[in-house]
C-alpha atoms as a PDB file:
ATOM      1  CA  MET A   1     121.610  87.303 144.181  1.00  0.00           C
ATOM      2  CA  GLN A   2     121.397  84.640 146.862  1.00  0.00           C
ATOM      3  CA  ASP A   3     125.214  84.743 147.247  1.00  0.00           C
ATOM      4  CA  ILE A   4     125.091  88.508 147.760  1.00  0.00           C
ATOM      5  CA  ASP A   5     122.362  88.123 150.374  1.00  0.00           C
ATOM      6  CA  ASN A   6     124.411  85.492 152.201  1.00  0.00           C
ATOM      7  CA  LEU A   7     127.512  87.687 152.171  1.00  0.00           C
ATOM      8  CA  PHE A   8     125.526  90.607 153.547  1.00  0.00           C
ATOM      9  CA  LEU A   9     124.188  88.375 156.328  1.00  0.00           C
ATOM     10  CA  ILE A  10     127.695  87.289 157.299  1.00  0.00           C
ATOM     11  CA  CYS A  11     128.870  90.888 157.247  1.00  0.00           C
ATOM     12  CA  SER A  12     125.990  91.954 159.479  1.00  0.00           C
ATOM     13  CA  LEU A  13     126.620  89.167 161.962  1.00  0.00           C
ATOM     14  CA  LEU A  14     130.302  89.829 162.222  1.00  0.00           C
ATOM     15  CA  GLY A  15     129.622  93.457 163.060  1.00  0.00           C
ATOM     16  CA  ASN A  16     132.811  95.094 164.135  1.00  0.00           C
ATOM     17  CA  ILE A  17     134.980  92.746 162.095  1.00  0.00           C
ATOM     18  CA  PHE A  18     134.521  95.289 159.299  1.00  0.00           C
ATOM     19  CA  LEU A  19     135.631  98.312 161.286  1.00  0.00           C
ATOM     20  CA  GLY A  20     139.204  98.156 160.100  1.00  0.00           C
ATOM     21  CA  PHE A  21     141.007  95.067 161.244  1.00  0.00           C
ATOM     22  CA  PRO A  22     139.736  91.589 160.356  1.00  0.00           C
ATOM     23  CA  ILE A  23     140.449  89.955 163.701  1.00  0.00           C
ATOM     24  CA  SER A  24     140.556  92.749 166.247  1.00  0.00           C
ATOM     25  CA  ASN A  25     136.832  92.420 166.882  1.00  0.00           C
ATOM     26  CA  CYS A  26     137.550  89.138 168.695  1.00  0.00           C
ATOM     27  CA  ILE A  27     134.149  87.612 167.974  1.00  0.00           C
ATOM     28  CA  ASN A  28     132.348  86.262 171.017  1.00  0.00           C
ATOM     29  CA  TYR A  29     132.002  82.522 170.654  1.00  0.00           C
ATOM     30  CA  ASN A  30     130.809  81.191 173.998  1.00  0.00           C
ATOM     31  CA  GLN A  31     131.566  77.514 174.477  1.00  0.00           C
ATOM     32  CA  GLN A  32     128.289  76.856 176.268  1.00  0.00           C
ATOM     33  CA  ALA A  33     125.906  78.991 174.241  1.00  0.00           C
ATOM     34  CA  GLN A  34     125.245  80.407 170.809  1.00  0.00           C
ATOM     35  CA  PRO A  35     127.718  83.082 169.692  1.00  0.00           C
ATOM     36  CA  SER A  36     126.887  86.697 170.426  1.00  0.00           C
ATOM     37  CA  LEU A  37     127.865  88.671 167.346  1.00  0.00           C
ATOM     38  CA  VAL A  38     126.139  91.990 167.937  1.00  0.00           C
ATOM     39  CA  ALA A  39     128.457  94.920 167.299  1.00  0.00           C
ATOM     40  CA  LYS A  40     128.939  97.220 170.279  1.00  0.00           C
ATOM     41  CA  PRO A  41     129.029 101.008 169.969  1.00  0.00           C
ATOM     42  CA  GLN A  42     132.523 102.464 169.915  1.00  0.00           C
ATOM     43  CA  THR A  43     132.728 104.947 172.750  1.00  0.00           C
ATOM     44  CA  ALA A  44     136.384 104.770 173.720  1.00  0.00           C
ATOM     45  CA  SER A  45     138.671 107.709 172.990  1.00  0.00           C
ATOM     46  CA  PRO A  46     142.181 107.110 171.671  1.00  0.00           C
ATOM     47  CA  GLN A  47     144.667 107.449 174.485  1.00  0.00           C
ATOM     48  CA  ASN A  48     147.239 108.950 172.149  1.00  0.00           C
ATOM     49  CA  SER A  49     144.960 111.805 171.056  1.00  0.00           C
ATOM     50  CA  ASP A  50     145.028 114.008 174.125  1.00  0.00           C
ATOM     51  CA  THR A  51     147.402 114.741 176.980  1.00  0.00           C
ATOM     52  CA  PRO A  52     145.191 113.624 179.927  1.00  0.00           C
ATOM     53  CA  ASN A  53     144.776 110.127 178.474  1.00  0.00           C
ATOM     54  CA  ILE A  54     148.481 109.828 177.710  1.00  0.00           C
ATOM     55  CA  SER A  55     149.160 110.772 181.331  1.00  0.00           C
ATOM     56  CA  ALA A  56     146.642 108.208 182.573  1.00  0.00           C
ATOM     57  CA  SER A  57     148.274 105.508 180.460  1.00  0.00           C
ATOM     58  CA  LYS A  58     151.714 106.461 181.747  1.00  0.00           C
ATOM     59  CA  LEU A  59     150.509 106.395 185.353  1.00  0.00           C
ATOM     60  CA  GLU A  60     149.048 102.924 184.796  1.00  0.00           C
ATOM     61  CA  TYR A  61     152.354 101.835 183.279  1.00  0.00           C
ATOM     62  CA  GLN A  62     154.214 103.094 186.354  1.00  0.00           C
ATOM     63  CA  ARG A  63     151.770 101.298 188.645  1.00  0.00           C
ATOM     64  CA  LEU A  64     152.299  98.024 186.794  1.00  0.00           C
ATOM     65  CA  MET A  65     156.061  98.466 186.851  1.00  0.00           C
ATOM     66  CA  GLN A  66     155.967  98.910 190.620  1.00  0.00           C
ATOM     67  CA  GLN A  67     153.972  95.690 190.960  1.00  0.00           C
ATOM     68  CA  ILE A  68     156.203  93.662 188.683  1.00  0.00           C
ATOM     69  CA  GLY A  69     159.486  95.317 189.617  1.00  0.00           C
ATOM     70  CA  GLU A  70     159.545  93.646 193.013  1.00  0.00           C
ATOM     71  CA  ARG A  71     160.474  90.404 191.279  1.00  0.00           C
ATOM     72  CA  LYS A  72     163.716  89.950 189.375  1.00  0.00           C
ATOM     73  CA  ILE A  73     161.683  89.417 186.251  1.00  0.00           C
ATOM     74  CA  THR A  74     164.364  90.554 183.821  1.00  0.00           C
ATOM     75  CA  THR A  75     166.366  87.422 184.596  1.00  0.00           C
ATOM     76  CA  LEU A  76     163.499  85.065 183.765  1.00  0.00           C
ATOM     77  CA  PRO A  77     163.015  83.349 180.388  1.00  0.00           C
ATOM     78  CA  ILE A  78     160.662  85.217 178.080  1.00  0.00           C
ATOM     79  CA  ASP A  79     157.873  82.620 178.485  1.00  0.00           C
ATOM     80  CA  GLU A  80     157.777  83.220 182.249  1.00  0.00           C
ATOM     81  CA  VAL A  81     157.846  86.979 181.735  1.00  0.00           C
ATOM     82  CA  LEU A  82     154.921  86.781 179.300  1.00  0.00           C
ATOM     83  CA  GLN A  83     152.873  84.639 181.676  1.00  0.00           C
ATOM     84  CA  THR A  84     153.567  87.009 184.584  1.00  0.00           C
ATOM     85  CA  VAL A  85     152.676  90.116 182.564  1.00  0.00           C
ATOM     86  CA  SER A  86     149.531  88.654 180.976  1.00  0.00           C
ATOM     87  CA  THR A  87     148.230  87.676 184.405  1.00  0.00           C
ATOM     88  CA  LYS A  88     148.416  91.332 185.516  1.00  0.00           C
ATOM     89  CA  PHE A  89     145.649  92.168 183.027  1.00  0.00           C
ATOM     90  CA  LEU A  90     143.130  89.528 184.146  1.00  0.00           C
ATOM     91  CA  GLY A  91     139.720  91.146 184.471  1.00  0.00           C
ATOM     92  CA  ALA A  92     140.620  94.145 182.285  1.00  0.00           C
ATOM     93  CA  THR A  93     137.790  95.418 180.093  1.00  0.00           C
ATOM     94  CA  TYR A  94     137.258  94.085 176.585  1.00  0.00           C
ATOM     95  CA  ARG A  95     136.350  96.784 174.065  1.00  0.00           C
ATOM     96  CA  GLU A  96     135.964  96.642 170.311  1.00  0.00           C
ATOM     97  CA  GLY A  97     137.298  99.008 167.670  1.00  0.00           C
ATOM     98  CA  LEU A  98     140.004 100.631 169.758  1.00  0.00           C
ATOM     99  CA  LEU A  99     142.512 100.800 166.924  1.00  0.00           C
ATOM    100  CA  ASP A 100     140.055 102.406 164.515  1.00  0.00           C
ATOM    101  CA  GLN A 101     139.050 105.613 166.218  1.00  0.00           C
ATOM    102  CA  GLY A 102     139.024 108.683 164.011  1.00  0.00           C
ATOM    103  CA  PRO A 103     139.738 109.146 160.305  1.00  0.00           C
ATOM    104  CA  THR A 104     143.530 108.779 160.430  1.00  0.00           C
ATOM    105  CA  GLU A 105     145.926 106.152 161.761  1.00  0.00           C
ATOM    106  CA  LYS A 106     147.445 107.029 165.147  1.00  0.00           C
ATOM    107  CA  LEU A 107     149.361 104.922 167.608  1.00  0.00           C
ATOM    108  CA  PHE A 108     146.801 103.808 170.184  1.00  0.00           C
ATOM    109  CA  VAL A 109     148.060 102.521 173.547  1.00  0.00           C
ATOM    110  CA  SER A 110     145.982 101.155 176.410  1.00  0.00           C
ATOM    111  CA  LEU A 111     146.797  99.302 179.620  1.00  0.00           C
ATOM    112  CA  THR A 112     143.235  99.080 180.915  1.00  0.00           C
ATOM    113  CA  GLU A 113     141.035  97.955 178.004  1.00  0.00           C
ATOM    114  CA  PHE A 114     141.728  95.708 175.036  1.00  0.00           C
ATOM    115  CA  ASP A 115     140.485  93.862 172.023  1.00  0.00           C
ATOM    116  CA  CYS A 116     142.206  90.534 171.388  1.00  0.00           C
ATOM    117  CA  VAL A 117     144.960  91.871 169.120  1.00  0.00           C
ATOM    118  CA  LEU A 118     145.658  94.880 171.316  1.00  0.00           C
ATOM    119  CA  PHE A 119     145.976  92.526 174.298  1.00  0.00           C
ATOM    120  CA  VAL A 120     148.571  90.378 172.505  1.00  0.00           C
ATOM    121  CA  GLU A 121     150.528  93.403 171.302  1.00  0.00           C
ATOM    122  CA  THR A 122     150.468  95.065 174.727  1.00  0.00           C
ATOM    123  CA  VAL A 123     151.614  91.995 176.670  1.00  0.00           C
ATOM    124  CA  LEU A 124     154.341  91.266 174.125  1.00  0.00           C
ATOM    125  CA  ALA A 125     155.568  94.885 174.045  1.00  0.00           C
ATOM    126  CA  PHE A 126     155.463  95.226 177.849  1.00  0.00           C
ATOM    127  CA  SER A 127     157.390  91.970 178.296  1.00  0.00           C
ATOM    128  CA  ARG A 128     160.038  92.900 175.727  1.00  0.00           C
ATOM    129  CA  ASN A 129     160.346  96.336 177.307  1.00  0.00           C
ATOM    130  CA  LEU A 130     160.949  94.804 180.735  1.00  0.00           C
ATOM    131  CA  ARG A 131     163.949  92.968 179.337  1.00  0.00           C
ATOM    132  CA  SER A 132     165.389  95.968 177.490  1.00  0.00           C
ATOM    133  CA  PRO A 133     168.200  98.219 178.775  1.00  0.00           C
ATOM    134  CA  SER A 134     165.765 101.161 179.149  1.00  0.00           C
ATOM    135  CA  PRO A 135     162.363  99.915 180.332  1.00  0.00           C
ATOM    136  CA  SER A 136     160.694 103.328 180.165  1.00  0.00           C
ATOM    137  CA  TYR A 137     157.122 104.145 179.187  1.00  0.00           C
ATOM    138  CA  GLU A 138     158.397 105.761 175.989  1.00  0.00           C
ATOM    139  CA  ASN A 139     160.319 102.599 175.112  1.00  0.00           C
ATOM    140  CA  PHE A 140     157.208 100.507 175.773  1.00  0.00           C
ATOM    141  CA  VAL A 141     155.220 102.706 173.366  1.00  0.00           C
ATOM    142  CA  GLU A 142     157.931 102.267 170.733  1.00  0.00           C
ATOM    143  CA  LYS A 143     157.667  98.499 171.115  1.00  0.00           C
ATOM    144  CA  ILE A 144     153.901  98.664 170.585  1.00  0.00           C
ATOM    145  CA  GLN A 145     154.549 100.419 167.282  1.00  0.00           C
ATOM    146  CA  GLU A 146     157.287  97.935 166.439  1.00  0.00           C
ATOM    147  CA  VAL A 147     154.970  94.913 166.564  1.00  0.00           C
ATOM    148  CA  ARG A 148     151.808  96.538 165.142  1.00  0.00           C
ATOM    149  CA  TYR A 149     153.153  98.000 161.902  1.00  0.00           C
ATOM    150  CA  ALA A 150     155.023  96.605 158.908  1.00  0.00           C
ATOM    151  CA  ASP A 151     158.742  96.803 159.652  1.00  0.00           C
ATOM    152  CA  GLY A 152     157.861  98.766 162.799  1.00  0.00           C
ATOM    153  CA  LYS A 153     157.005 101.935 160.852  1.00  0.00           C
ATOM    154  CA  LEU A 154     153.706 103.792 161.266  1.00  0.00           C
ATOM    155  CA  ASP A 155     152.925 105.197 157.827  1.00  0.00           C
ATOM    156  CA  GLY A 156     149.158 105.407 157.576  1.00  0.00           C
ATOM    157  CA  TYR A 157     146.333 102.896 157.746  1.00  0.00           C
ATOM    158  CA  CYS A 158     147.901 100.424 155.324  1.00  0.00           C
ATOM    159  CA  SER A 159     151.107 100.132 157.332  1.00  0.00           C
ATOM    160  CA  ARG A 160     149.210  98.296 160.076  1.00  0.00           C
ATOM    161  CA  LEU A 161     149.522  94.498 159.932  1.00  0.00           C
ATOM    162  CA  HIS A 162     145.816  93.874 159.367  1.00  0.00           C
ATOM    163  CA  TYR A 163     145.891  90.111 158.720  1.00  0.00           C
ATOM    164  CA  PHE A 164     147.287  88.153 161.628  1.00  0.00           C
ATOM    165  CA  SER A 165     149.216  85.695 159.459  1.00  0.00           C
ATOM    166  CA  GLU A 166     150.989  88.740 158.010  1.00  0.00           C
ATOM    167  CA  TRP A 167     151.489  90.046 161.566  1.00  0.00           C
ATOM    168  CA  ILE A 168     153.307  86.799 162.352  1.00  0.00           C
ATOM    169  CA  ARG A 169     155.280  86.825 159.104  1.00  0.00           C
ATOM    170  CA  ASN A 170     156.467  90.422 159.465  1.00  0.00           C
ATOM    171  CA  ASN A 171     157.393  90.092 163.129  1.00  0.00           C
ATOM    172  CA  GLN A 172     159.252  86.864 162.391  1.00  0.00           C
ATOM    173  CA  LYS A 173     161.268  88.673 159.726  1.00  0.00           C
ATOM    174  CA  ARG A 174     162.449  91.076 162.452  1.00  0.00           C
ATOM    175  CA  ASN A 175     163.203  88.276 164.953  1.00  0.00           C
ATOM    176  CA  ILE A 176     160.409  89.258 167.341  1.00  0.00           C
ATOM    177  CA  VAL A 177     158.462  86.002 167.032  1.00  0.00           C
ATOM    178  CA  ARG A 178     159.017  82.628 165.373  1.00  0.00           C
ATOM    179  CA  ASP A 179     156.237  80.846 163.479  1.00  0.00           C
ATOM    180  CA  LEU A 180     156.012  77.325 164.952  1.00  0.00           C
ATOM    181  CA  THR A 181     152.977  76.153 162.997  1.00  0.00           C
ATOM    182  CA  SER A 182     154.851  74.107 160.409  1.00  0.00           C
ATOM    183  CA  GLU A 183     157.156  72.308 162.847  1.00  0.00           C
ATOM    184  CA  LEU A 184     154.184  71.506 165.076  1.00  0.00           C
ATOM    185  CA  GLY A 185     152.609  69.579 162.208  1.00  0.00           C
ATOM    186  CA  GLY A 186     150.620  72.325 160.524  1.00  0.00           C
ATOM    187  CA  ILE A 187     148.871  71.540 157.259  1.00  0.00           C
ATOM    188  CA  PRO A 188     148.399  73.946 154.309  1.00  0.00           C
ATOM    189  CA  LEU A 189     145.798  76.694 154.584  1.00  0.00           C
ATOM    190  CA  ASN A 190     144.926  77.041 150.928  1.00  0.00           C
ATOM    191  CA  LYS A 191     142.997  80.255 150.624  1.00  0.00           C
ATOM    192  CA  LYS A 192     143.394  83.696 149.164  1.00  0.00           C
ATOM    193  CA  LEU A 193     143.404  86.496 151.740  1.00  0.00           C
ATOM    194  CA  ASN A 194     141.282  89.295 150.309  1.00  0.00           C
ATOM    195  CA  PHE A 195     138.639  89.811 152.973  1.00  0.00           C
ATOM    196  CA  MET A 196     139.236  93.531 153.368  1.00  0.00           C
ATOM    197  CA  SER A 197     139.232  94.429 149.684  1.00  0.00           C
ATOM    198  CA  SER A 198     136.250  92.164 149.018  1.00  0.00           C
ATOM    199  CA  ASN A 199     134.276  93.902 151.761  1.00  0.00           C
ATOM    200  CA  TRP A 200     135.703  97.402 151.401  1.00  0.00           C
ATOM    201  CA  GLN A 201     132.297  99.045 151.752  1.00  0.00           C
ATOM    202  CA  LYS A 202     132.070  97.817 155.348  1.00  0.00           C
ATOM    203  CA  TYR A 203     135.333  99.493 156.393  1.00  0.00           C
ATOM    204  CA  PRO A 204     134.900 103.239 156.993  1.00  0.00           C
ATOM    205  CA  ARG A 205     138.546 103.959 156.194  1.00  0.00           C
ATOM    206  CA  LEU A 206     138.237 102.103 152.884  1.00  0.00           C
ATOM    207  CA  LYS A 207     134.742 103.196 151.932  1.00  0.00           C
ATOM    208  CA  ASN A 208     135.608 106.853 152.342  1.00  0.00           C
ATOM    209  CA  ASN A 209     139.211 106.777 151.150  1.00  0.00           C
ATOM    210  CA  GLU A 210     140.089 105.428 147.712  1.00  0.00           C
ATOM    211  CA  ALA A 211     143.830 105.718 148.413  1.00  0.00           C
ATOM    212  CA  ASN A 212     143.427 103.399 151.408  1.00  0.00           C
ATOM    213  CA  HIS A 213     141.349 101.017 149.291  1.00  0.00           C
ATOM    214  CA  GLN A 214     144.046 100.828 146.648  1.00  0.00           C
ATOM    215  CA  CYS A 215     146.879 100.311 149.111  1.00  0.00           C
ATOM    216  CA  ILE A 216     144.972  97.499 150.836  1.00  0.00           C
ATOM    217  CA  LEU A 217     144.584  95.838 147.446  1.00  0.00           C
ATOM    218  CA  ALA A 218     148.321  96.204 146.896  1.00  0.00           C
ATOM    219  CA  MET A 219     149.048  94.835 150.359  1.00  0.00           C
ATOM    220  CA  GLU A 220     146.898  91.755 149.719  1.00  0.00           C
ATOM    221  CA  GLN A 221     148.627  91.168 146.378  1.00  0.00           C
ATOM    222  CA  LYS A 222     152.015  91.375 148.108  1.00  0.00           C
ATOM    223  CA  MET A 223     150.825  88.817 150.656  1.00  0.00           C
ATOM    224  CA  GLU A 224     149.880  86.444 147.832  1.00  0.00           C
ATOM    225  CA  LEU A 225     153.399  86.682 146.432  1.00  0.00           C
ATOM    226  CA  GLU A 226     154.902  86.006 149.867  1.00  0.00           C
ATOM    227  CA  LYS A 227     152.723  82.934 150.276  1.00  0.00           C
ATOM    228  CA  ARG A 228     154.385  81.332 147.257  1.00  0.00           C
ATOM    229  CA  SER A 229     157.624  80.949 149.197  1.00  0.00           C
ATOM    230  CA  GLN A 230     156.044  80.718 152.668  1.00  0.00           C
ATOM    231  CA  PRO A 231     152.648  78.981 152.392  1.00  0.00           C
ATOM    232  CA  LEU A 232     150.204  79.460 155.234  1.00  0.00           C
ATOM    233  CA  ARG A 233     149.703  76.523 157.569  1.00  0.00           C
ATOM    234  CA  TYR A 234     147.468  75.705 160.513  1.00  0.00           C
ATOM    235  CA  ILE A 235     147.011  72.955 163.085  1.00  0.00           C
ATOM    236  CA  PRO A 236     143.514  71.426 162.832  1.00  0.00           C
ATOM    237  CA  SER A 237     141.318  71.794 165.904  1.00  0.00           C
ATOM    238  CA  GLN A 238     141.207  68.069 166.673  1.00  0.00           C
ATOM    239  CA  LYS A 239     145.029  67.878 166.704  1.00  0.00           C
ATOM    240  CA  ILE A 240     145.669  70.714 169.174  1.00  0.00           C
ATOM    241  CA  ARG A 241     145.724  68.571 172.305  1.00  0.00           C
ATOM    242  CA  SER A 242     148.388  66.324 170.754  1.00  0.00           C
ATOM    243  CA  ILE A 243     150.868  69.246 170.716  1.00  0.00           C
ATOM    244  CA  TYR A 244     150.258  70.413 174.291  1.00  0.00           C
ATOM    245  CA  SER A 245     153.646  69.097 175.446  1.00  0.00           C
ATOM    246  CA  LEU A 246     155.373  71.237 172.808  1.00  0.00           C
ATOM    247  CA  LEU A 247     153.703  74.516 173.770  1.00  0.00           C
ATOM    248  CA  LYS A 248     155.121  77.075 176.191  1.00  0.00           C
ATOM    249  CA  ALA A 249     153.669  79.929 178.187  1.00  0.00           C
ATOM    250  CA  GLY A 250     153.342  83.025 176.036  1.00  0.00           C
ATOM    251  CA  ASP A 251     153.088  81.205 172.715  1.00  0.00           C
ATOM    252  CA  ILE A 252     150.767  83.320 170.571  1.00  0.00           C
ATOM    253  CA  ILE A 253     147.687  81.539 169.274  1.00  0.00           C
ATOM    254  CA  ALA A 254     145.685  82.736 166.250  1.00  0.00           C
ATOM    255  CA  VAL A 255     142.296  81.057 165.752  1.00  0.00           C
ATOM    256  CA  THR A 256     142.175  80.049 162.087  1.00  0.00           C
ATOM    257  CA  THR A 257     138.847  80.395 160.274  1.00  0.00           C
ATOM    258  CA  ASP A 258     137.051  78.974 157.239  1.00  0.00           C
ATOM    259  CA  LEU A 259     135.488  82.359 156.465  1.00  0.00           C
ATOM    260  CA  LYS A 260     136.254  83.264 152.861  1.00  0.00           C
ATOM    261  CA  GLY A 261     139.239  85.554 152.407  1.00  0.00           C
ATOM    262  CA  LEU A 262     140.166  85.647 156.111  1.00  0.00           C
ATOM    263  CA  ASP A 263     142.939  83.898 158.039  1.00  0.00           C
ATOM    264  CA  ALA A 264     142.020  84.312 161.729  1.00  0.00           C
ATOM    265  CA  THR A 265     139.251  85.663 163.951  1.00  0.00           C
ATOM    266  CA  HIS A 266     140.793  85.730 167.423  1.00  0.00           C
ATOM    267  CA  THR A 267     144.122  85.615 169.228  1.00  0.00           C
ATOM    268  CA  GLY A 268     145.642  85.191 172.679  1.00  0.00           C
ATOM    269  CA  PHE A 269     148.396  83.348 174.569  1.00  0.00           C
ATOM    270  CA  VAL A 270     149.081  79.810 175.728  1.00  0.00           C
ATOM    271  CA  TYR A 271     148.638  79.771 179.506  1.00  0.00           C
ATOM    272  CA  PRO A 272     149.849  76.568 181.206  1.00  0.00           C
ATOM    273  CA  THR A 273     148.086  75.627 184.447  1.00  0.00           C
ATOM    274  CA  ALA A 274     148.193  72.670 186.823  1.00  0.00           C
ATOM    275  CA  ASN A 275     145.358  71.151 184.795  1.00  0.00           C
ATOM    276  CA  GLY A 276     146.910  71.518 181.347  1.00  0.00           C
ATOM    277  CA  ILE A 277     147.121  74.080 178.560  1.00  0.00           C
ATOM    278  CA  ALA A 278     144.740  76.999 178.953  1.00  0.00           C
ATOM    279  CA  PHE A 279     144.236  80.138 176.844  1.00  0.00           C
ATOM    280  CA  ILE A 280     144.464  83.715 178.141  1.00  0.00           C
ATOM    281  CA  HIS A 281     142.806  86.301 175.920  1.00  0.00           C
ATOM    282  CA  ALA A 282     140.746  89.464 175.763  1.00  0.00           C
ATOM    283  CA  SER A 283     137.397  87.772 175.412  1.00  0.00           C
ATOM    284  CA  PRO A 284     134.365  89.334 173.706  1.00  0.00           C
ATOM    285  CA  SER A 285     132.427  88.048 176.705  1.00  0.00           C
ATOM    286  CA  GLY A 286     133.664  91.223 178.363  1.00  0.00           C
ATOM    287  CA  LYS A 287     137.116  90.940 179.902  1.00  0.00           C
ATOM    288  CA  VAL A 288     140.575  89.412 179.844  1.00  0.00           C
ATOM    289  CA  LYS A 289     140.139  85.857 181.087  1.00  0.00           C
ATOM    290  CA  VAL A 290     141.629  82.379 181.108  1.00  0.00           C
ATOM    291  CA  SER A 291     139.711  79.705 179.205  1.00  0.00           C
ATOM    292  CA  PRO A 292     140.722  76.447 180.924  1.00  0.00           C
ATOM    293  CA  ASP A 293     141.413  74.209 177.915  1.00  0.00           C
ATOM    294  CA  LEU A 294     142.793  75.489 174.601  1.00  0.00           C
ATOM    295  CA  GLN A 295     141.433  72.781 172.303  1.00  0.00           C
ATOM    296  CA  ARG A 296     138.002  72.837 173.900  1.00  0.00           C
ATOM    297  CA  TYR A 297     137.875  76.604 173.497  1.00  0.00           C
ATOM    298  CA  ILE A 298     138.844  76.459 169.794  1.00  0.00           C
ATOM    299  CA  GLU A 299     136.281  73.736 169.143  1.00  0.00           C
ATOM    300  CA  GLY A 300     133.613  76.053 170.543  1.00  0.00           C
ATOM    301  CA  VAL A 301     134.456  78.904 168.159  1.00  0.00           C
ATOM    302  CA  ASP A 302     132.101  79.183 165.199  1.00  0.00           C
ATOM    303  CA  HIS A 303     133.916  78.836 161.849  1.00  0.00           C
ATOM    304  CA  ALA A 304     137.200  77.917 163.575  1.00  0.00           C
ATOM    305  CA  ILE A 305     139.222  75.168 161.897  1.00  0.00           C
ATOM    306  CA  GLY A 306     142.375  75.265 164.018  1.00  0.00           C
ATOM    307  CA  ILE A 307     145.239  77.489 165.117  1.00  0.00           C
ATOM    308  CA  MET A 308     148.481  79.132 164.077  1.00  0.00           C
ATOM    309  CA  VAL A 309     151.250  79.304 166.701  1.00  0.00           C
ATOM    310  CA  ALA A 310     154.029  81.891 167.022  1.00  0.00           C
ATOM    311  CA  ARG A 311     156.617  81.923 169.813  1.00  0.00           C
ATOM    312  CA  PRO A 312     158.110  85.226 171.045  1.00  0.00           C
ATOM    313  CA  VAL A 313     161.876  85.274 170.683  1.00  0.00           C
ATOM    314  CA  ASN A 314     163.820  85.298 173.947  1.00  0.00           C
ATOM    315  CA  TYR A 315     164.632  89.015 173.968  1.00  0.00           C
ATOM    316  CA  SER A 316     167.666  89.426 176.232  1.00  0.00           C
ATOM    317  CA  ALA A 317     168.102  92.295 178.667  1.00  0.00           C
ATOM    318  CA  ASP A 318     171.411  93.370 177.118  1.00  0.00           C
ATOM    319  CA  ARG A 319     169.947  94.102 173.671  1.00  0.00           C
END
């Protein structure tokens, strides 16, 4: 009974982590204070659900393209493109639960407000779109779908890459990113990923939909089989600073956790500065920001044990 009470307490504290995507809540772990884990009400409307919001998103896309287009960005290496694009979103609003509006899975796109996963997907898709032969808004939207869903195909709730280690694995399979964790000295992450199925009653789309519940179970079982040939690895928190010289701008960082059944709780990008390796992310403190030192930030995250690292593939303009 005590174990059940403890699990319920963790679930209550994590709040929005149970709203459909284990890490998209981007839990607020302030380095200088106790973590704020109170779930915020979901008031945002999906931008793909009505014409005015689609138009607003497209106008924002055009505005950003005008800003960035003045530079010959398509000729730059992908790491410089990613750093340039991510900087354009500094100060943008952080908002939870954006991917889980409504009862059915729809492709949500935003260029003005983000959770941590949406921020990573948007910057990556925008950067890849810039270097494509047809950098249109429609192509950008396609690239959002490409990185968010298994094999780039939107086919219901279970097609979304809910666990970030699986996000990395699936996007690596399609040559969008490359998992660097092992070659950077990562050690085994020996845990079973079953957080969603174990806490199904806290996910509205699982609690109220048995078909979704069953397909999430199947997805987790498939992940376990994949792990036999490609075991999960992570770089311990205290070792992060030792790999600073090997990191590049735009490397994707996933904050690995010791929470049972879960791989990661937050994500963002490596952001080199004159003072070292920083971390740009959609922070639960309220906005997209740069935390000045990556290791120090990770060490301040409750339940964090280290990081996974994935590097976007240098997507050439002639592809």
